[in-house]
Amino acid sequence: EETNLVPKLVEKLVLPRITHTTIHLWNVFSSSSTVKLVSSVKDAFACVVSSEDKPSTDVLNSVLVTMQDLVNNHGPLVPVFPMAKGEHEPRDFTFGPLAFSKKMFWRAVKLLRNVLLWESLVPKDNLQQIATTSIINAHLLPFLRNLSSSFDSFLRFKIDATESIVLSLPQSWIQSSTIISNLPTDAPPG
């Protein structure tokens, strides 16, 4: 009976508290908050008998719902503005709306990295859907496609941004064909 005391306490007290924190307090954009939450979940799961019980699944469901809600229901993470062509085409990021979009782009890359911190806890299919479909395809790639490759500053940014996205992905995803099949196949214009 005493050997089950700690797992029961964690299941009845700690896991519901983590679920509440995830839903109501977790800032998905904060790396330190995400690292602390991931660590707390791992520590709590190490104490429970089974991570298949309801409180444990409630924790993981709250993580998924919170991430999905953020990326799917709060508008574009990276606004894409129509780019003028020709003489009035912006040549760098000093153009006000473009500078804002660049800042939001890097914020979305940070979100991608925070989401991927859950790799060992959240089911791979769910995590890949959020990372590739909801963040990369829906928010990051449209911004990169909108930038002209005619100017060195944009071309350099596209290269650096693409490298940063790829380096954020887990190595196992890059080596598997499932991640490749989730990415769009059309070539960006410009």
C-alpha atoms as a PDB file:
ATOM      1  CA  GLU A   1       0.000   0.000   0.000  1.00  0.00           C
ATOM      2  CA  GLU A   2       2.797   2.462   0.863  1.00  0.00           C
ATOM      3  CA  THR A   3       4.576   1.774  -2.433  1.00  0.00           C
ATOM      4  CA  ASN A   4       1.514   3.041  -4.286  1.00  0.00           C
ATOM      5  CA  LEU A   5       1.212   6.222  -2.222  1.00  0.00           C
ATOM      6  CA  VAL A   6       3.515   8.439  -4.325  1.00  0.00           C
ATOM      7  CA  PRO A   7       2.074   7.332  -7.697  1.00  0.00           C
ATOM      8  CA  LYS A   8      -1.473   7.845  -6.375  1.00  0.00           C
ATOM      9  CA  LEU A   9      -0.623  11.319  -5.030  1.00  0.00           C
ATOM     10  CA  VAL A  10       0.990  12.295  -8.316  1.00  0.00           C
ATOM     11  CA  GLU A  11      -1.998  10.960 -10.238  1.00  0.00           C
ATOM     12  CA  LYS A  12      -4.598  12.670  -8.014  1.00  0.00           C
ATOM     13  CA  LEU A  13      -2.816  15.951  -7.191  1.00  0.00           C
ATOM     14  CA  VAL A  14       0.113  16.704  -9.492  1.00  0.00           C
ATOM     15  CA  LEU A  15      -1.220  15.664 -12.905  1.00  0.00           C
ATOM     16  CA  PRO A  16      -4.493  17.642 -12.610  1.00  0.00           C
ATOM     17  CA  ARG A  17      -2.457  20.671 -11.539  1.00  0.00           C
ATOM     18  CA  ILE A  18      -0.190  20.265 -14.594  1.00  0.00           C
ATOM     19  CA  THR A  19      -3.276  19.986 -16.820  1.00  0.00           C
ATOM     20  CA  HIS A  20      -4.666  23.212 -15.335  1.00  0.00           C
ATOM     21  CA  THR A  21      -1.324  24.968 -15.760  1.00  0.00           C
ATOM     22  CA  THR A  22      -1.068  23.814 -19.368  1.00  0.00           C
ATOM     23  CA  ILE A  23      -4.522  25.076 -20.290  1.00  0.00           C
ATOM     24  CA  HIS A  24      -4.591  28.329 -18.345  1.00  0.00           C
ATOM     25  CA  LEU A  25      -1.022  29.504 -17.717  1.00  0.00           C
ATOM     26  CA  TRP A  26       1.417  28.020 -20.225  1.00  0.00           C
ATOM     27  CA  ASN A  27       2.885  30.505 -22.677  1.00  0.00           C
ATOM     28  CA  VAL A  28       3.658  28.351 -25.713  1.00  0.00           C
ATOM     29  CA  PHE A  29       5.932  31.098 -27.102  1.00  0.00           C
ATOM     30  CA  SER A  30       8.116  31.049 -23.978  1.00  0.00           C
ATOM     31  CA  SER A  31      11.034  28.636 -24.246  1.00  0.00           C
ATOM     32  CA  SER A  32      11.733  28.673 -20.513  1.00  0.00           C
ATOM     33  CA  SER A  33       8.065  28.055 -19.670  1.00  0.00           C
ATOM     34  CA  THR A  34       7.911  25.192 -22.179  1.00  0.00           C
ATOM     35  CA  VAL A  35      11.146  23.606 -20.924  1.00  0.00           C
ATOM     36  CA  LYS A  36       9.867  23.757 -17.326  1.00  0.00           C
ATOM     37  CA  LEU A  37       6.499  22.279 -18.275  1.00  0.00           C
ATOM     38  CA  VAL A  38       8.073  19.456 -20.306  1.00  0.00           C
ATOM     39  CA  SER A  39      10.396  18.686 -17.390  1.00  0.00           C
ATOM     40  CA  SER A  40       7.486  18.687 -14.918  1.00  0.00           C
ATOM     41  CA  VAL A  41       5.488  16.319 -17.111  1.00  0.00           C
ATOM     42  CA  LYS A  42       8.454  13.957 -17.499  1.00  0.00           C
ATOM     43  CA  ASP A  43       9.067  13.980 -13.727  1.00  0.00           C
ATOM     44  CA  ALA A  44       5.393  13.337 -12.990  1.00  0.00           C
ATOM     45  CA  PHE A  45       5.159  10.543 -15.578  1.00  0.00           C
ATOM     46  CA  ALA A  46       8.230   8.899 -14.024  1.00  0.00           C
ATOM     47  CA  CYS A  47       6.291   8.595 -10.752  1.00  0.00           C
ATOM     48  CA  VAL A  48       2.992   7.195 -12.035  1.00  0.00           C
ATOM     49  CA  VAL A  49       2.417   3.525 -12.642  1.00  0.00           C
ATOM     50  CA  SER A  50       1.098   4.011 -16.169  1.00  0.00           C
ATOM     51  CA  SER A  51       1.144   6.972 -18.511  1.00  0.00           C
ATOM     52  CA  GLU A  52      -1.998   5.455 -20.059  1.00  0.00           C
ATOM     53  CA  ASP A  53      -4.268   6.412 -17.145  1.00  0.00           C
ATOM     54  CA  LYS A  54      -6.809   9.218 -17.479  1.00  0.00           C
ATOM     55  CA  PRO A  55      -4.865  11.953 -15.631  1.00  0.00           C
ATOM     56  CA  SER A  56      -1.803  11.289 -17.802  1.00  0.00           C
ATOM     57  CA  THR A  57      -3.776  11.356 -21.038  1.00  0.00           C
ATOM     58  CA  ASP A  58      -5.528  14.516 -19.819  1.00  0.00           C
ATOM     59  CA  VAL A  59      -2.120  16.194 -19.487  1.00  0.00           C
ATOM     60  CA  LEU A  60      -1.047  15.242 -23.014  1.00  0.00           C
ATOM     61  CA  ASN A  61      -4.448  16.174 -24.448  1.00  0.00           C
ATOM     62  CA  SER A  62      -4.229  19.587 -22.787  1.00  0.00           C
ATOM     63  CA  VAL A  63      -0.793  20.098 -24.356  1.00  0.00           C
ATOM     64  CA  LEU A  64      -2.098  19.158 -27.812  1.00  0.00           C
ATOM     65  CA  VAL A  65      -5.263  21.244 -27.508  1.00  0.00           C
ATOM     66  CA  THR A  66      -3.312  24.283 -26.315  1.00  0.00           C
ATOM     67  CA  MET A  67      -0.798  24.046 -29.179  1.00  0.00           C
ATOM     68  CA  GLN A  68      -3.460  23.352 -31.824  1.00  0.00           C
ATOM     69  CA  ASP A  69      -5.652  26.178 -30.576  1.00  0.00           C
ATOM     70  CA  LEU A  70      -2.777  28.638 -30.788  1.00  0.00           C
ATOM     71  CA  VAL A  71      -1.660  27.750 -34.297  1.00  0.00           C
ATOM     72  CA  ASN A  72      -5.124  27.189 -35.794  1.00  0.00           C
ATOM     73  CA  ASN A  73      -7.430  29.712 -34.135  1.00  0.00           C
ATOM     74  CA  HIS A  74      -5.475  32.888 -33.543  1.00  0.00           C
ATOM     75  CA  GLY A  75      -4.939  34.198 -37.050  1.00  0.00           C
ATOM     76  CA  PRO A  76      -1.727  34.116 -39.000  1.00  0.00           C
ATOM     77  CA  LEU A  77       1.423  33.800 -36.956  1.00  0.00           C
ATOM     78  CA  VAL A  78       3.314  35.513 -39.776  1.00  0.00           C
ATOM     79  CA  PRO A  79       1.330  38.098 -41.735  1.00  0.00           C
ATOM     80  CA  VAL A  80       1.973  38.042 -45.478  1.00  0.00           C
ATOM     81  CA  PHE A  81       1.606  41.405 -47.180  1.00  0.00           C
ATOM     82  CA  PRO A  82       1.203  41.834 -50.931  1.00  0.00           C
ATOM     83  CA  MET A  83       4.565  42.734 -52.401  1.00  0.00           C
ATOM     84  CA  ALA A  84       4.725  45.541 -54.929  1.00  0.00           C
ATOM     85  CA  LYS A  85       6.641  44.663 -58.071  1.00  0.00           C
ATOM     86  CA  GLY A  86       8.980  46.707 -60.159  1.00  0.00           C
ATOM     87  CA  GLU A  87      10.192  50.121 -59.058  1.00  0.00           C
ATOM     88  CA  HIS A  88       8.267  50.074 -55.754  1.00  0.00           C
ATOM     89  CA  GLU A  89       9.256  46.545 -54.753  1.00  0.00           C
ATOM     90  CA  PRO A  90      10.849  46.457 -51.282  1.00  0.00           C
ATOM     91  CA  ARG A  91      14.500  45.471 -51.503  1.00  0.00           C
ATOM     92  CA  ASP A  92      15.116  44.736 -47.821  1.00  0.00           C
ATOM     93  CA  PHE A  93      13.381  44.480 -44.478  1.00  0.00           C
ATOM     94  CA  THR A  94      13.290  48.218 -43.727  1.00  0.00           C
ATOM     95  CA  PHE A  95       9.761  48.367 -45.204  1.00  0.00           C
ATOM     96  CA  GLY A  96       7.545  48.620 -42.067  1.00  0.00           C
ATOM     97  CA  PRO A  97       5.079  45.756 -42.646  1.00  0.00           C
ATOM     98  CA  LEU A  98       7.849  43.516 -43.958  1.00  0.00           C
ATOM     99  CA  ALA A  99      10.007  44.216 -40.898  1.00  0.00           C
ATOM    100  CA  PHE A 100       7.060  43.257 -38.691  1.00  0.00           C
ATOM    101  CA  SER A 101       6.501  40.043 -40.659  1.00  0.00           C
ATOM    102  CA  LYS A 102      10.189  39.161 -40.330  1.00  0.00           C
ATOM    103  CA  LYS A 103       9.979  39.584 -36.551  1.00  0.00           C
ATOM    104  CA  MET A 104       6.833  37.433 -36.443  1.00  0.00           C
ATOM    105  CA  PHE A 105       8.511  34.829 -38.674  1.00  0.00           C
ATOM    106  CA  TRP A 106      11.294  34.309 -36.129  1.00  0.00           C
ATOM    107  CA  ARG A 107       8.691  34.190 -33.360  1.00  0.00           C
ATOM    108  CA  ALA A 108       6.918  31.379 -35.264  1.00  0.00           C
ATOM    109  CA  VAL A 109      10.247  29.525 -35.632  1.00  0.00           C
ATOM    110  CA  LYS A 110      10.653  29.805 -31.851  1.00  0.00           C
ATOM    111  CA  LEU A 111       7.134  28.391 -31.465  1.00  0.00           C
ATOM    112  CA  LEU A 112       8.095  25.499 -33.757  1.00  0.00           C
ATOM    113  CA  ARG A 113      11.111  24.742 -31.553  1.00  0.00           C
ATOM    114  CA  ASN A 114       8.972  24.904 -28.401  1.00  0.00           C
ATOM    115  CA  VAL A 115       6.402  22.552 -29.908  1.00  0.00           C
ATOM    116  CA  LEU A 116       9.158  20.115 -30.820  1.00  0.00           C
ATOM    117  CA  LEU A 117      10.367  20.006 -27.204  1.00  0.00           C
ATOM    118  CA  TRP A 118       7.402  17.660 -26.646  1.00  0.00           C
ATOM    119  CA  GLU A 119       8.848  15.063 -29.036  1.00  0.00           C
ATOM    120  CA  SER A 120       9.370  12.322 -26.453  1.00  0.00           C
ATOM    121  CA  LEU A 121       5.953  12.812 -24.822  1.00  0.00           C
ATOM    122  CA  VAL A 122       3.356  13.647 -27.468  1.00  0.00           C
ATOM    123  CA  PRO A 123       2.463  11.068 -30.137  1.00  0.00           C
ATOM    124  CA  LYS A 124       4.636  11.538 -33.230  1.00  0.00           C
ATOM    125  CA  ASP A 125       1.703  11.845 -35.651  1.00  0.00           C
ATOM    126  CA  ASN A 126       0.113  14.650 -33.625  1.00  0.00           C
ATOM    127  CA  LEU A 127       3.399  16.490 -33.250  1.00  0.00           C
ATOM    128  CA  GLN A 128       4.223  16.183 -36.954  1.00  0.00           C
ATOM    129  CA  GLN A 129       0.786  17.501 -37.889  1.00  0.00           C
ATOM    130  CA  ILE A 130       1.193  20.561 -35.677  1.00  0.00           C
ATOM    131  CA  ALA A 131       4.810  21.203 -36.698  1.00  0.00           C
ATOM    132  CA  THR A 132       4.607  20.586 -40.448  1.00  0.00           C
ATOM    133  CA  THR A 133       1.017  21.288 -41.427  1.00  0.00           C
ATOM    134  CA  SER A 134      -0.009  23.910 -38.888  1.00  0.00           C
ATOM    135  CA  ILE A 135       3.234  25.846 -38.414  1.00  0.00           C
ATOM    136  CA  ILE A 136       5.610  25.266 -41.326  1.00  0.00           C
ATOM    137  CA  ASN A 137       3.127  24.892 -44.193  1.00  0.00           C
ATOM    138  CA  ALA A 138       0.477  27.319 -42.956  1.00  0.00           C
ATOM    139  CA  HIS A 139       2.632  30.082 -41.480  1.00  0.00           C
ATOM    140  CA  LEU A 140       6.340  29.914 -42.332  1.00  0.00           C
ATOM    141  CA  LEU A 141       6.415  28.849 -45.993  1.00  0.00           C
ATOM    142  CA  PRO A 142       3.816  31.366 -47.240  1.00  0.00           C
ATOM    143  CA  PHE A 143       5.977  34.202 -45.916  1.00  0.00           C
ATOM    144  CA  LEU A 144       9.131  32.803 -47.530  1.00  0.00           C
ATOM    145  CA  ARG A 145       7.314  32.263 -50.834  1.00  0.00           C
ATOM    146  CA  ASN A 146       6.100  35.854 -50.815  1.00  0.00           C
ATOM    147  CA  LEU A 147       9.641  37.252 -50.666  1.00  0.00           C
ATOM    148  CA  SER A 148      11.345  37.984 -53.943  1.00  0.00           C
ATOM    149  CA  SER A 149      14.570  36.125 -54.630  1.00  0.00           C
ATOM    150  CA  SER A 150      15.709  38.991 -56.855  1.00  0.00           C
ATOM    151  CA  PHE A 151      17.483  40.799 -54.037  1.00  0.00           C
ATOM    152  CA  ASP A 152      20.435  39.466 -52.067  1.00  0.00           C
ATOM    153  CA  SER A 153      18.950  40.449 -48.691  1.00  0.00           C
ATOM    154  CA  PHE A 154      15.816  38.358 -49.287  1.00  0.00           C
ATOM    155  CA  LEU A 155      17.690  35.441 -50.832  1.00  0.00           C
ATOM    156  CA  ARG A 156      20.102  35.331 -47.878  1.00  0.00           C
ATOM    157  CA  PHE A 157      17.156  35.506 -45.470  1.00  0.00           C
ATOM    158  CA  LYS A 158      15.373  32.645 -47.279  1.00  0.00           C
ATOM    159  CA  ILE A 159      18.482  30.468 -47.042  1.00  0.00           C
ATOM    160  CA  ASP A 160      19.044  31.260 -43.347  1.00  0.00           C
ATOM    161  CA  ALA A 161      15.363  30.790 -42.520  1.00  0.00           C
ATOM    162  CA  THR A 162      15.113  27.464 -44.325  1.00  0.00           C
ATOM    163  CA  GLU A 163      18.259  26.236 -42.591  1.00  0.00           C
ATOM    164  CA  SER A 164      16.849  27.298 -39.225  1.00  0.00           C
ATOM    165  CA  ILE A 165      13.581  25.442 -39.865  1.00  0.00           C
ATOM    166  CA  VAL A 166      15.344  22.259 -40.953  1.00  0.00           C
ATOM    167  CA  LEU A 167      17.739  22.375 -37.990  1.00  0.00           C
ATOM    168  CA  SER A 168      14.742  22.704 -35.660  1.00  0.00           C
ATOM    169  CA  LEU A 169      13.268  19.405 -36.819  1.00  0.00           C
ATOM    170  CA  PRO A 170      14.157  16.175 -35.020  1.00  0.00           C
ATOM    171  CA  GLN A 171      16.830  14.207 -36.878  1.00  0.00           C
ATOM    172  CA  SER A 172      14.588  11.136 -37.024  1.00  0.00           C
ATOM    173  CA  TRP A 173      11.959  13.144 -38.937  1.00  0.00           C
ATOM    174  CA  ILE A 174      14.425  14.314 -41.541  1.00  0.00           C
ATOM    175  CA  GLN A 175      15.610  10.766 -42.138  1.00  0.00           C
ATOM    176  CA  SER A 176      12.073   9.388 -42.480  1.00  0.00           C
ATOM    177  CA  SER A 177       9.918   9.833 -45.538  1.00  0.00           C
ATOM    178  CA  THR A 178       6.812  10.841 -43.556  1.00  0.00           C
ATOM    179  CA  ILE A 179       8.031  14.383 -42.949  1.00  0.00           C
ATOM    180  CA  ILE A 180       8.851  14.829 -46.617  1.00  0.00           C
ATOM    181  CA  SER A 181       5.351  13.723 -47.618  1.00  0.00           C
ATOM    182  CA  ASN A 182       3.838  16.367 -45.301  1.00  0.00           C
ATOM    183  CA  LEU A 183       5.694  19.235 -46.973  1.00  0.00           C
ATOM    184  CA  PRO A 184       4.287  20.936 -50.050  1.00  0.00           C
ATOM    185  CA  THR A 185       5.919  19.993 -53.342  1.00  0.00           C
ATOM    186  CA  ASP A 186       5.388  23.159 -55.360  1.00  0.00           C
ATOM    187  CA  ALA A 187       8.412  25.355 -55.853  1.00  0.00           C
ATOM    188  CA  PRO A 188       8.252  28.872 -54.429  1.00  0.00           C
ATOM    189  CA  PRO A 189       7.964  31.665 -57.006  1.00  0.00           C
ATOM    190  CA  GLY A 190      10.549  34.267 -57.506  1.00  0.00           C
END
